[in-house]
Amino acid sequence: MTLIVLIGPTGVGKTELSLRLAKAFNTCIVSADSRQLYADLKIGTAAPTPEQLQRVKHYMVGTLGLTDYYSAAQYETEVMKLLNELFKEKKVVLLTGGSMMYVDAVCKGIDDIPTVDADTRSLMLQKYETEGLEHLCAELKLLDPEYYQIVDLKNPKRVIHALEICYMTGKTYTSFRTQQKKERPFRIVKVGLTRDREELYDRINHRVDQMMADGLLDEARSVYAHKEYNSLNTVGYKELFKYMDGEWTLDFAIEKIKQNSRIYSRKQMTWFKRDTDIRWFHPEQETEILSYLRSQV
């Protein structure tokens, strides 16, 4: 049993290659994209099209509503259960996506952190809305100074989640972060896709233009009422919400989508480059990729 993991930054070309690899190995695709899980975010997340879904069976796509709470821990549990079933019929399964935490959740496992109850989640959301992120950061510094030193203090989701655990358990979030790698009952082969920065940035810019042509603005309007939810704290939507709120012009919002997508691609590459198990290829090296994978499975 082998899990092929196809990863790379946003816009690099994972989708089309994943479809062809799935066909070559007569298998299905499990998505590792944290935003493609949401059924109402098809254009802005570059979710597989109906035609692509017909070509190859996909899992973990379009299964959530915008207001659903979801975490990498839930993803790990669901995908491990799914893989257990899929490997009864298939020797090879393909996992692909750019959500670093979700890829790691399946390949390494994530810490057994308690599920936050609804009351605590509601309390922390209320504190965030009334007191702001800066106040929550100061509180985290008091309750868990060790995690405060390493967390992205501009990411409300990370700060809020750490505080939720502190409030709910009376312990630091750090105390639950053992970061021990879990053993998996299948082989993992990782292939990373990469392009020259200029080439990647051109593709990202073009992709944003294509999304706008495909109706991203209308899609953003249709979900605007839920803009406070974490599902929509996402490149492509949050910039267009600023336009809808009258803060930015449309042209400026589109440029910011391109810029923030490029920044995100750099973050992805920084994360992936730490993993020495990844074998890197240009997406057009399809013959070499297939040859490498066939030698591994």
C-alpha atoms as a PDB file:
ATOM      1  CA  MET A   1       0.000   0.000   0.000  1.00  0.00           C
ATOM      2  CA  THR A   2       1.425   3.332  -1.102  1.00  0.00           C
ATOM      3  CA  LEU A   3       0.184   6.867  -0.637  1.00  0.00           C
ATOM      4  CA  ILE A   4       1.541   9.146  -3.355  1.00  0.00           C
ATOM      5  CA  VAL A   5       1.612  12.726  -2.060  1.00  0.00           C
ATOM      6  CA  LEU A   6       1.706  15.387  -4.782  1.00  0.00           C
ATOM      7  CA  ILE A   7       2.414  18.835  -3.359  1.00  0.00           C
ATOM      8  CA  GLY A   8       3.593  22.271  -4.400  1.00  0.00           C
ATOM      9  CA  PRO A   9       2.662  25.947  -4.177  1.00  0.00           C
ATOM     10  CA  THR A  10      -0.596  27.469  -5.364  1.00  0.00           C
ATOM     11  CA  GLY A  11      -0.793  27.791  -9.150  1.00  0.00           C
ATOM     12  CA  VAL A  12       2.123  25.438  -9.882  1.00  0.00           C
ATOM     13  CA  GLY A  13      -0.017  22.944 -11.833  1.00  0.00           C
ATOM     14  CA  LYS A  14      -0.962  20.172  -9.389  1.00  0.00           C
ATOM     15  CA  THR A  15      -4.544  19.635 -10.564  1.00  0.00           C
ATOM     16  CA  GLU A  16      -4.050  18.523 -14.161  1.00  0.00           C
ATOM     17  CA  LEU A  17      -1.017  16.391 -13.331  1.00  0.00           C
ATOM     18  CA  SER A  18      -2.844  14.754 -10.420  1.00  0.00           C
ATOM     19  CA  LEU A  19      -5.648  13.692 -12.768  1.00  0.00           C
ATOM     20  CA  ARG A  20      -3.193  12.073 -15.174  1.00  0.00           C
ATOM     21  CA  LEU A  21      -1.262  10.366 -12.372  1.00  0.00           C
ATOM     22  CA  ALA A  22      -4.504   9.022 -10.909  1.00  0.00           C
ATOM     23  CA  LYS A  23      -5.387   7.565 -14.327  1.00  0.00           C
ATOM     24  CA  ALA A  24      -1.899   6.073 -14.700  1.00  0.00           C
ATOM     25  CA  PHE A  25      -2.198   4.285 -11.357  1.00  0.00           C
ATOM     26  CA  ASN A  26      -5.909   3.511 -11.756  1.00  0.00           C
ATOM     27  CA  THR A  27      -6.738   5.233  -8.507  1.00  0.00           C
ATOM     28  CA  CYS A  28      -8.635   8.110  -6.893  1.00  0.00           C
ATOM     29  CA  ILE A  29      -7.640  11.510  -5.493  1.00  0.00           C
ATOM     30  CA  VAL A  30      -7.888  12.665  -1.879  1.00  0.00           C
ATOM     31  CA  SER A  31      -7.748  16.460  -1.657  1.00  0.00           C
ATOM     32  CA  ALA A  32      -5.447  18.107   0.885  1.00  0.00           C
ATOM     33  CA  ASP A  33      -6.818  21.599   0.306  1.00  0.00           C
ATOM     34  CA  SER A  34      -8.415  23.100   3.409  1.00  0.00           C
ATOM     35  CA  ARG A  35     -10.621  25.480   1.395  1.00  0.00           C
ATOM     36  CA  GLN A  36     -11.819  23.082  -1.307  1.00  0.00           C
ATOM     37  CA  LEU A  37     -13.700  21.326   1.496  1.00  0.00           C
ATOM     38  CA  TYR A  38     -16.249  24.158   1.406  1.00  0.00           C
ATOM     39  CA  ALA A  39     -18.981  23.516  -1.153  1.00  0.00           C
ATOM     40  CA  ASP A  40     -19.700  27.205  -1.853  1.00  0.00           C
ATOM     41  CA  LEU A  41     -16.125  28.241  -2.697  1.00  0.00           C
ATOM     42  CA  LYS A  42     -15.612  26.603  -6.067  1.00  0.00           C
ATOM     43  CA  ILE A  43     -14.071  29.399  -8.157  1.00  0.00           C
ATOM     44  CA  GLY A  44     -11.861  31.078  -5.564  1.00  0.00           C
ATOM     45  CA  THR A  45     -10.334  27.791  -4.383  1.00  0.00           C
ATOM     46  CA  ALA A  46      -9.815  26.428  -7.925  1.00  0.00           C
ATOM     47  CA  ALA A  47     -11.859  23.382  -6.910  1.00  0.00           C
ATOM     48  CA  PRO A  48     -11.995  20.493  -9.409  1.00  0.00           C
ATOM     49  CA  THR A  49     -14.582  21.163 -12.123  1.00  0.00           C
ATOM     50  CA  PRO A  50     -17.552  18.801 -12.705  1.00  0.00           C
ATOM     51  CA  GLU A  51     -15.676  17.457 -15.739  1.00  0.00           C
ATOM     52  CA  GLN A  52     -12.553  16.767 -13.650  1.00  0.00           C
ATOM     53  CA  LEU A  53     -14.632  15.134 -10.912  1.00  0.00           C
ATOM     54  CA  GLN A  54     -16.098  12.867 -13.574  1.00  0.00           C
ATOM     55  CA  ARG A  55     -12.682  11.902 -14.897  1.00  0.00           C
ATOM     56  CA  VAL A  56     -11.368  10.804 -11.499  1.00  0.00           C
ATOM     57  CA  LYS A  57     -13.145  10.073  -8.229  1.00  0.00           C
ATOM     58  CA  HIS A  58     -12.284  12.748  -5.631  1.00  0.00           C
ATOM     59  CA  TYR A  59     -12.676  12.730  -1.863  1.00  0.00           C
ATOM     60  CA  MET A  60     -12.643  15.624   0.664  1.00  0.00           C
ATOM     61  CA  VAL A  61     -14.004  18.161  -1.830  1.00  0.00           C
ATOM     62  CA  GLY A  62     -17.168  20.212  -1.273  1.00  0.00           C
ATOM     63  CA  THR A  63     -18.218  18.448   1.918  1.00  0.00           C
ATOM     64  CA  LEU A  64     -18.616  21.426   4.287  1.00  0.00           C
ATOM     65  CA  GLY A  65     -20.881  24.432   4.733  1.00  0.00           C
ATOM     66  CA  LEU A  66     -19.332  27.859   5.289  1.00  0.00           C
ATOM     67  CA  THR A  67     -20.341  27.951   8.954  1.00  0.00           C
ATOM     68  CA  ASP A  68     -19.009  24.463   9.758  1.00  0.00           C
ATOM     69  CA  TYR A  69     -16.136  24.286  12.218  1.00  0.00           C
ATOM     70  CA  TYR A  70     -13.297  22.138  10.909  1.00  0.00           C
ATOM     71  CA  SER A  71      -9.701  21.486  11.924  1.00  0.00           C
ATOM     72  CA  ALA A  72      -6.595  19.663  10.755  1.00  0.00           C
ATOM     73  CA  ALA A  73      -7.203  17.152  13.567  1.00  0.00           C
ATOM     74  CA  GLN A  74     -10.658  16.322  12.162  1.00  0.00           C
ATOM     75  CA  TYR A  75      -9.126  16.051   8.700  1.00  0.00           C
ATOM     76  CA  GLU A  76      -6.513  13.592   9.967  1.00  0.00           C
ATOM     77  CA  THR A  77      -9.178  11.404  11.581  1.00  0.00           C
ATOM     78  CA  GLU A  78     -11.438  11.401   8.516  1.00  0.00           C
ATOM     79  CA  VAL A  79      -8.690  10.803   5.949  1.00  0.00           C
ATOM     80  CA  MET A  80      -7.056   7.988   7.946  1.00  0.00           C
ATOM     81  CA  LYS A  81     -10.444   6.256   8.150  1.00  0.00           C
ATOM     82  CA  LEU A  82     -10.997   6.865   4.420  1.00  0.00           C
ATOM     83  CA  LEU A  83      -7.555   5.516   3.467  1.00  0.00           C
ATOM     84  CA  ASN A  84      -8.195   2.403   5.535  1.00  0.00           C
ATOM     85  CA  GLU A  85     -11.209   1.721   3.297  1.00  0.00           C
ATOM     86  CA  LEU A  86      -9.573   2.731   0.009  1.00  0.00           C
ATOM     87  CA  PHE A  87      -6.513   0.531   0.572  1.00  0.00           C
ATOM     88  CA  LYS A  88      -8.783  -2.510   0.814  1.00  0.00           C
ATOM     89  CA  GLU A  89      -9.352  -2.120  -2.942  1.00  0.00           C
ATOM     90  CA  LYS A  90      -6.367  -0.121  -4.187  1.00  0.00           C
ATOM     91  CA  LYS A  91      -2.601  -0.551  -3.917  1.00  0.00           C
ATOM     92  CA  VAL A  92      -2.010   3.152  -4.572  1.00  0.00           C
ATOM     93  CA  VAL A  93      -3.924   6.271  -3.490  1.00  0.00           C
ATOM     94  CA  LEU A  94      -3.062   9.848  -4.493  1.00  0.00           C
ATOM     95  CA  LEU A  95      -3.187  12.709  -1.975  1.00  0.00           C
ATOM     96  CA  THR A  96      -2.741  16.187  -3.441  1.00  0.00           C
ATOM     97  CA  GLY A  97      -3.068  19.779  -2.300  1.00  0.00           C
ATOM     98  CA  GLY A  98      -1.214  22.772  -0.963  1.00  0.00           C
ATOM     99  CA  SER A  99      -2.484  22.996   2.624  1.00  0.00           C
ATOM    100  CA  MET A 100       0.696  22.277   4.540  1.00  0.00           C
ATOM    101  CA  MET A 101      -0.963  21.400   7.861  1.00  0.00           C
ATOM    102  CA  TYR A 102      -3.358  18.980   6.168  1.00  0.00           C
ATOM    103  CA  VAL A 103      -0.563  17.198   4.302  1.00  0.00           C
ATOM    104  CA  ASP A 104       1.409  16.879   7.546  1.00  0.00           C
ATOM    105  CA  ALA A 105      -1.708  15.686   9.398  1.00  0.00           C
ATOM    106  CA  VAL A 106      -1.875  12.634   7.114  1.00  0.00           C
ATOM    107  CA  CYS A 107       1.857  12.007   6.669  1.00  0.00           C
ATOM    108  CA  LYS A 108       3.065  12.645  10.217  1.00  0.00           C
ATOM    109  CA  GLY A 109      -0.044  12.998  12.349  1.00  0.00           C
ATOM    110  CA  ILE A 110      -0.790  15.987  14.500  1.00  0.00           C
ATOM    111  CA  ASP A 111      -0.902  16.322  18.243  1.00  0.00           C
ATOM    112  CA  ASP A 112      -3.880  14.984  20.154  1.00  0.00           C
ATOM    113  CA  ILE A 113      -5.220  18.395  21.140  1.00  0.00           C
ATOM    114  CA  PRO A 114      -8.668  18.456  22.819  1.00  0.00           C
ATOM    115  CA  THR A 115     -11.661  19.453  20.706  1.00  0.00           C
ATOM    116  CA  VAL A 116     -12.845  22.904  21.731  1.00  0.00           C
ATOM    117  CA  ASP A 117     -16.399  22.993  23.065  1.00  0.00           C
ATOM    118  CA  ALA A 118     -19.012  25.328  21.584  1.00  0.00           C
ATOM    119  CA  ASP A 119     -19.201  27.584  24.662  1.00  0.00           C
ATOM    120  CA  THR A 120     -15.453  28.268  24.691  1.00  0.00           C
ATOM    121  CA  ARG A 121     -15.405  28.856  20.941  1.00  0.00           C
ATOM    122  CA  SER A 122     -18.289  31.303  21.227  1.00  0.00           C
ATOM    123  CA  LEU A 123     -16.622  33.126  24.144  1.00  0.00           C
ATOM    124  CA  MET A 124     -13.310  33.534  22.296  1.00  0.00           C
ATOM    125  CA  LEU A 125     -15.023  34.702  19.104  1.00  0.00           C
ATOM    126  CA  GLN A 126     -16.884  37.307  21.143  1.00  0.00           C
ATOM    127  CA  LYS A 127     -13.630  38.450  22.783  1.00  0.00           C
ATOM    128  CA  TYR A 128     -11.973  38.723  19.376  1.00  0.00           C
ATOM    129  CA  GLU A 129     -14.841  40.813  17.983  1.00  0.00           C
ATOM    130  CA  THR A 130     -15.067  43.149  20.993  1.00  0.00           C
ATOM    131  CA  GLU A 131     -11.432  43.412  22.145  1.00  0.00           C
ATOM    132  CA  GLY A 132      -9.473  42.779  18.945  1.00  0.00           C
ATOM    133  CA  LEU A 133      -6.491  40.621  18.011  1.00  0.00           C
ATOM    134  CA  GLU A 134      -3.896  42.744  19.819  1.00  0.00           C
ATOM    135  CA  HIS A 135      -5.624  42.201  23.168  1.00  0.00           C
ATOM    136  CA  LEU A 136      -5.824  38.437  22.558  1.00  0.00           C
ATOM    137  CA  CYS A 137      -2.108  38.341  21.709  1.00  0.00           C
ATOM    138  CA  ALA A 138      -1.323  40.069  25.022  1.00  0.00           C
ATOM    139  CA  GLU A 139      -3.467  37.492  26.816  1.00  0.00           C
ATOM    140  CA  LEU A 140      -1.688  34.625  25.057  1.00  0.00           C
ATOM    141  CA  LYS A 141       1.653  36.093  26.136  1.00  0.00           C
ATOM    142  CA  LEU A 142       0.508  35.780  29.751  1.00  0.00           C
ATOM    143  CA  LEU A 143      -1.111  32.334  29.489  1.00  0.00           C
ATOM    144  CA  ASP A 144       1.365  30.601  27.166  1.00  0.00           C
ATOM    145  CA  PRO A 145       4.548  32.682  26.669  1.00  0.00           C
ATOM    146  CA  GLU A 146       6.319  29.786  24.921  1.00  0.00           C
ATOM    147  CA  TYR A 147       3.720  29.496  22.145  1.00  0.00           C
ATOM    148  CA  TYR A 148       3.474  33.294  21.961  1.00  0.00           C
ATOM    149  CA  GLN A 149       7.127  33.356  20.834  1.00  0.00           C
ATOM    150  CA  ILE A 150       6.519  31.153  17.784  1.00  0.00           C
ATOM    151  CA  VAL A 151       2.901  31.733  16.698  1.00  0.00           C
ATOM    152  CA  ASP A 152       2.030  34.002  13.757  1.00  0.00           C
ATOM    153  CA  LEU A 153       0.571  36.881  15.799  1.00  0.00           C
ATOM    154  CA  LYS A 154      -1.220  38.232  12.714  1.00  0.00           C
ATOM    155  CA  ASN A 155      -3.177  35.002  12.273  1.00  0.00           C
ATOM    156  CA  PRO A 156      -6.321  35.270  14.445  1.00  0.00           C
ATOM    157  CA  LYS A 157      -7.229  31.605  13.929  1.00  0.00           C
ATOM    158  CA  ARG A 158      -3.953  30.389  15.469  1.00  0.00           C
ATOM    159  CA  VAL A 159      -4.046  32.857  18.379  1.00  0.00           C
ATOM    160  CA  ILE A 160      -7.710  32.177  19.157  1.00  0.00           C
ATOM    161  CA  HIS A 161      -7.271  28.401  19.017  1.00  0.00           C
ATOM    162  CA  ALA A 162      -4.338  28.485  21.445  1.00  0.00           C
ATOM    163  CA  LEU A 163      -6.363  30.629  23.863  1.00  0.00           C
ATOM    164  CA  GLU A 164      -9.377  28.320  23.510  1.00  0.00           C
ATOM    165  CA  ILE A 165      -7.223  25.415  24.710  1.00  0.00           C
ATOM    166  CA  CYS A 166      -5.764  27.488  27.563  1.00  0.00           C
ATOM    167  CA  TYR A 167      -9.233  28.552  28.718  1.00  0.00           C
ATOM    168  CA  MET A 168     -10.835  25.133  28.346  1.00  0.00           C
ATOM    169  CA  THR A 169      -8.122  22.963  29.920  1.00  0.00           C
ATOM    170  CA  GLY A 170      -6.341  25.317  32.306  1.00  0.00           C
ATOM    171  CA  LYS A 171      -3.079  24.167  30.668  1.00  0.00           C
ATOM    172  CA  THR A 172      -0.850  25.807  28.084  1.00  0.00           C
ATOM    173  CA  TYR A 173      -1.395  25.056  24.406  1.00  0.00           C
ATOM    174  CA  THR A 174       2.324  24.232  24.295  1.00  0.00           C
ATOM    175  CA  SER A 175       1.834  21.315  26.712  1.00  0.00           C
ATOM    176  CA  PHE A 176      -0.256  19.518  24.078  1.00  0.00           C
ATOM    177  CA  ARG A 177       2.246  20.072  21.245  1.00  0.00           C
ATOM    178  CA  THR A 178       4.475  16.992  21.479  1.00  0.00           C
ATOM    179  CA  GLN A 179       5.096  16.901  17.707  1.00  0.00           C
ATOM    180  CA  GLN A 180       5.871  13.186  17.729  1.00  0.00           C
ATOM    181  CA  LYS A 181       5.628  11.603  14.298  1.00  0.00           C
ATOM    182  CA  LYS A 182       2.976   8.870  14.103  1.00  0.00           C
ATOM    183  CA  GLU A 183       3.681   5.632  12.295  1.00  0.00           C
ATOM    184  CA  ARG A 184       1.446   4.967   9.282  1.00  0.00           C
ATOM    185  CA  PRO A 185       0.393   1.522   8.017  1.00  0.00           C
ATOM    186  CA  PHE A 186       1.247   2.453   4.422  1.00  0.00           C
ATOM    187  CA  ARG A 187       4.236   3.694   2.445  1.00  0.00           C
ATOM    188  CA  ILE A 188       4.418   7.426   1.674  1.00  0.00           C
ATOM    189  CA  VAL A 189       6.107   8.730  -1.484  1.00  0.00           C
ATOM    190  CA  LYS A 190       6.235  12.507  -1.850  1.00  0.00           C
ATOM    191  CA  VAL A 191       6.588  14.384  -5.120  1.00  0.00           C
ATOM    192  CA  GLY A 192       6.896  18.178  -5.100  1.00  0.00           C
ATOM    193  CA  LEU A 193       6.220  20.420  -8.073  1.00  0.00           C
ATOM    194  CA  THR A 194       8.223  23.606  -8.502  1.00  0.00           C
ATOM    195  CA  ARG A 195       8.765  26.316 -11.115  1.00  0.00           C
ATOM    196  CA  ASP A 196      11.051  29.318 -11.423  1.00  0.00           C
ATOM    197  CA  ARG A 197       9.655  32.158  -9.320  1.00  0.00           C
ATOM    198  CA  GLU A 198       8.935  34.404 -12.320  1.00  0.00           C
ATOM    199  CA  GLU A 199       7.170  31.580 -14.150  1.00  0.00           C
ATOM    200  CA  LEU A 200       5.103  30.724 -11.054  1.00  0.00           C
ATOM    201  CA  TYR A 201       4.152  34.350 -10.433  1.00  0.00           C
ATOM    202  CA  ASP A 202       3.001  34.760 -14.059  1.00  0.00           C
ATOM    203  CA  ARG A 203       0.800  31.681 -13.660  1.00  0.00           C
ATOM    204  CA  ILE A 204      -0.640  32.968 -10.375  1.00  0.00           C
ATOM    205  CA  ASN A 205      -1.439  36.379 -11.924  1.00  0.00           C
ATOM    206  CA  HIS A 206      -3.061  34.743 -14.937  1.00  0.00           C
ATOM    207  CA  ARG A 207      -5.051  32.389 -12.709  1.00  0.00           C
ATOM    208  CA  VAL A 208      -6.491  35.289 -10.705  1.00  0.00           C
ATOM    209  CA  ASP A 209      -7.540  37.019 -13.949  1.00  0.00           C
ATOM    210  CA  GLN A 210      -9.188  33.772 -15.072  1.00  0.00           C
ATOM    211  CA  MET A 211     -11.019  33.402 -11.734  1.00  0.00           C
ATOM    212  CA  MET A 212     -12.396  36.932 -12.109  1.00  0.00           C
ATOM    213  CA  ALA A 213     -13.513  36.097 -15.665  1.00  0.00           C
ATOM    214  CA  ASP A 214     -15.152  32.919 -14.350  1.00  0.00           C
ATOM    215  CA  GLY A 215     -17.252  34.864 -11.842  1.00  0.00           C
ATOM    216  CA  LEU A 216     -15.250  35.112  -8.622  1.00  0.00           C
ATOM    217  CA  LEU A 217     -16.821  38.476  -7.770  1.00  0.00           C
ATOM    218  CA  ASP A 218     -20.335  37.007  -7.973  1.00  0.00           C
ATOM    219  CA  GLU A 219     -19.218  34.036  -5.880  1.00  0.00           C
ATOM    220  CA  ALA A 220     -17.781  36.407  -3.256  1.00  0.00           C
ATOM    221  CA  ARG A 221     -21.045  38.374  -3.233  1.00  0.00           C
ATOM    222  CA  SER A 222     -23.013  35.162  -2.679  1.00  0.00           C
ATOM    223  CA  VAL A 223     -21.033  34.335   0.502  1.00  0.00           C
ATOM    224  CA  TYR A 224     -20.568  37.911   1.765  1.00  0.00           C
ATOM    225  CA  ALA A 225     -23.095  37.419   4.594  1.00  0.00           C
ATOM    226  CA  HIS A 226     -20.739  34.824   6.134  1.00  0.00           C
ATOM    227  CA  LYS A 227     -17.547  36.882   5.769  1.00  0.00           C
ATOM    228  CA  GLU A 228     -16.767  36.735   9.514  1.00  0.00           C
ATOM    229  CA  TYR A 229     -16.341  32.957   9.437  1.00  0.00           C
ATOM    230  CA  ASN A 230     -12.888  31.402   9.233  1.00  0.00           C
ATOM    231  CA  SER A 231     -13.820  29.613   6.006  1.00  0.00           C
ATOM    232  CA  LEU A 232     -13.743  33.010   4.284  1.00  0.00           C
ATOM    233  CA  ASN A 233     -10.540  34.323   5.850  1.00  0.00           C
ATOM    234  CA  THR A 234      -9.044  33.313   2.546  1.00  0.00           C
ATOM    235  CA  VAL A 235      -7.097  34.954  -0.270  1.00  0.00           C
ATOM    236  CA  GLY A 236      -9.508  35.900  -3.039  1.00  0.00           C
ATOM    237  CA  TYR A 237     -12.489  36.526  -0.820  1.00  0.00           C
ATOM    238  CA  LYS A 238     -11.182  38.812   1.910  1.00  0.00           C
ATOM    239  CA  GLU A 239      -9.792  41.250  -0.676  1.00  0.00           C
ATOM    240  CA  LEU A 240     -13.095  41.371  -2.587  1.00  0.00           C
ATOM    241  CA  PHE A 241     -14.958  41.947   0.671  1.00  0.00           C
ATOM    242  CA  LYS A 242     -12.835  45.099   1.129  1.00  0.00           C
ATOM    243  CA  TYR A 243     -14.018  46.224  -2.303  1.00  0.00           C
ATOM    244  CA  MET A 244     -17.644  45.476  -1.356  1.00  0.00           C
ATOM    245  CA  ASP A 245     -17.201  47.413   1.878  1.00  0.00           C
ATOM    246  CA  GLY A 246     -16.055  50.430  -0.142  1.00  0.00           C
ATOM    247  CA  GLU A 247     -12.509  50.390   1.249  1.00  0.00           C
ATOM    248  CA  TRP A 248     -10.743  49.444  -1.996  1.00  0.00           C
ATOM    249  CA  THR A 249     -11.343  49.845  -5.730  1.00  0.00           C
ATOM    250  CA  LEU A 250     -11.944  46.619  -7.659  1.00  0.00           C
ATOM    251  CA  ASP A 251      -8.658  46.927  -9.564  1.00  0.00           C
ATOM    252  CA  PHE A 252      -6.747  47.386  -6.296  1.00  0.00           C
ATOM    253  CA  ALA A 253      -8.523  44.369  -4.738  1.00  0.00           C
ATOM    254  CA  ILE A 254      -7.553  42.202  -7.728  1.00  0.00           C
ATOM    255  CA  GLU A 255      -3.924  43.311  -7.478  1.00  0.00           C
ATOM    256  CA  LYS A 256      -3.975  42.468  -3.755  1.00  0.00           C
ATOM    257  CA  ILE A 257      -5.345  38.978  -4.534  1.00  0.00           C
ATOM    258  CA  LYS A 258      -2.397  38.444  -6.886  1.00  0.00           C
ATOM    259  CA  GLN A 259       0.094  39.821  -4.370  1.00  0.00           C
ATOM    260  CA  ASN A 260      -1.290  37.784  -1.444  1.00  0.00           C
ATOM    261  CA  SER A 261      -1.377  34.635  -3.595  1.00  0.00           C
ATOM    262  CA  ARG A 262       2.304  35.149  -4.428  1.00  0.00           C
ATOM    263  CA  ILE A 263       3.122  35.678  -0.737  1.00  0.00           C
ATOM    264  CA  TYR A 264       1.225  32.492   0.145  1.00  0.00           C
ATOM    265  CA  SER A 265       3.150  30.529  -2.496  1.00  0.00           C
ATOM    266  CA  ARG A 266       6.413  31.619  -0.834  1.00  0.00           C
ATOM    267  CA  LYS A 267       5.135  30.477   2.575  1.00  0.00           C
ATOM    268  CA  GLN A 268       4.189  27.113   1.094  1.00  0.00           C
ATOM    269  CA  MET A 269       7.631  26.620  -0.433  1.00  0.00           C
ATOM    270  CA  THR A 270       9.362  27.586   2.833  1.00  0.00           C
ATOM    271  CA  TRP A 271       7.292  24.957   4.638  1.00  0.00           C
ATOM    272  CA  PHE A 272       7.772  22.225   2.022  1.00  0.00           C
ATOM    273  CA  LYS A 273      11.515  22.819   1.648  1.00  0.00           C
ATOM    274  CA  ARG A 274      11.994  21.684   5.270  1.00  0.00           C
ATOM    275  CA  ASP A 275      10.824  18.200   4.269  1.00  0.00           C
ATOM    276  CA  THR A 276      13.789  16.216   2.945  1.00  0.00           C
ATOM    277  CA  ASP A 277      11.518  13.323   1.866  1.00  0.00           C
ATOM    278  CA  ILE A 278      10.119  15.332  -1.054  1.00  0.00           C
ATOM    279  CA  ARG A 279      11.508  14.609  -4.536  1.00  0.00           C
ATOM    280  CA  TRP A 280      11.230  17.778  -6.627  1.00  0.00           C
ATOM    281  CA  PHE A 281      10.277  18.050 -10.318  1.00  0.00           C
ATOM    282  CA  HIS A 282       9.091  20.652 -12.811  1.00  0.00           C
ATOM    283  CA  PRO A 283       5.420  19.877 -13.664  1.00  0.00           C
ATOM    284  CA  GLU A 284       6.374  19.270 -17.304  1.00  0.00           C
ATOM    285  CA  GLN A 285       8.732  16.434 -16.292  1.00  0.00           C
ATOM    286  CA  GLU A 286       5.780  14.062 -16.395  1.00  0.00           C
ATOM    287  CA  THR A 287       7.736  11.138 -17.858  1.00  0.00           C
ATOM    288  CA  GLU A 288      10.388  11.439 -15.129  1.00  0.00           C
ATOM    289  CA  ILE A 289       7.742  11.751 -12.419  1.00  0.00           C
ATOM    290  CA  LEU A 290       5.944   8.619 -13.618  1.00  0.00           C
ATOM    291  CA  SER A 291       9.204   6.708 -13.881  1.00  0.00           C
ATOM    292  CA  TYR A 292      10.188   7.742 -10.340  1.00  0.00           C
ATOM    293  CA  LEU A 293       6.796   6.829  -8.887  1.00  0.00           C
ATOM    294  CA  ARG A 294       6.689   3.446 -10.645  1.00  0.00           C
ATOM    295  CA  SER A 295      10.076   2.642  -9.130  1.00  0.00           C
ATOM    296  CA  GLN A 296       8.696   3.441  -5.677  1.00  0.00           C
ATOM    297  CA  VAL A 297       5.312   1.689  -5.614  1.00  0.00           C
END
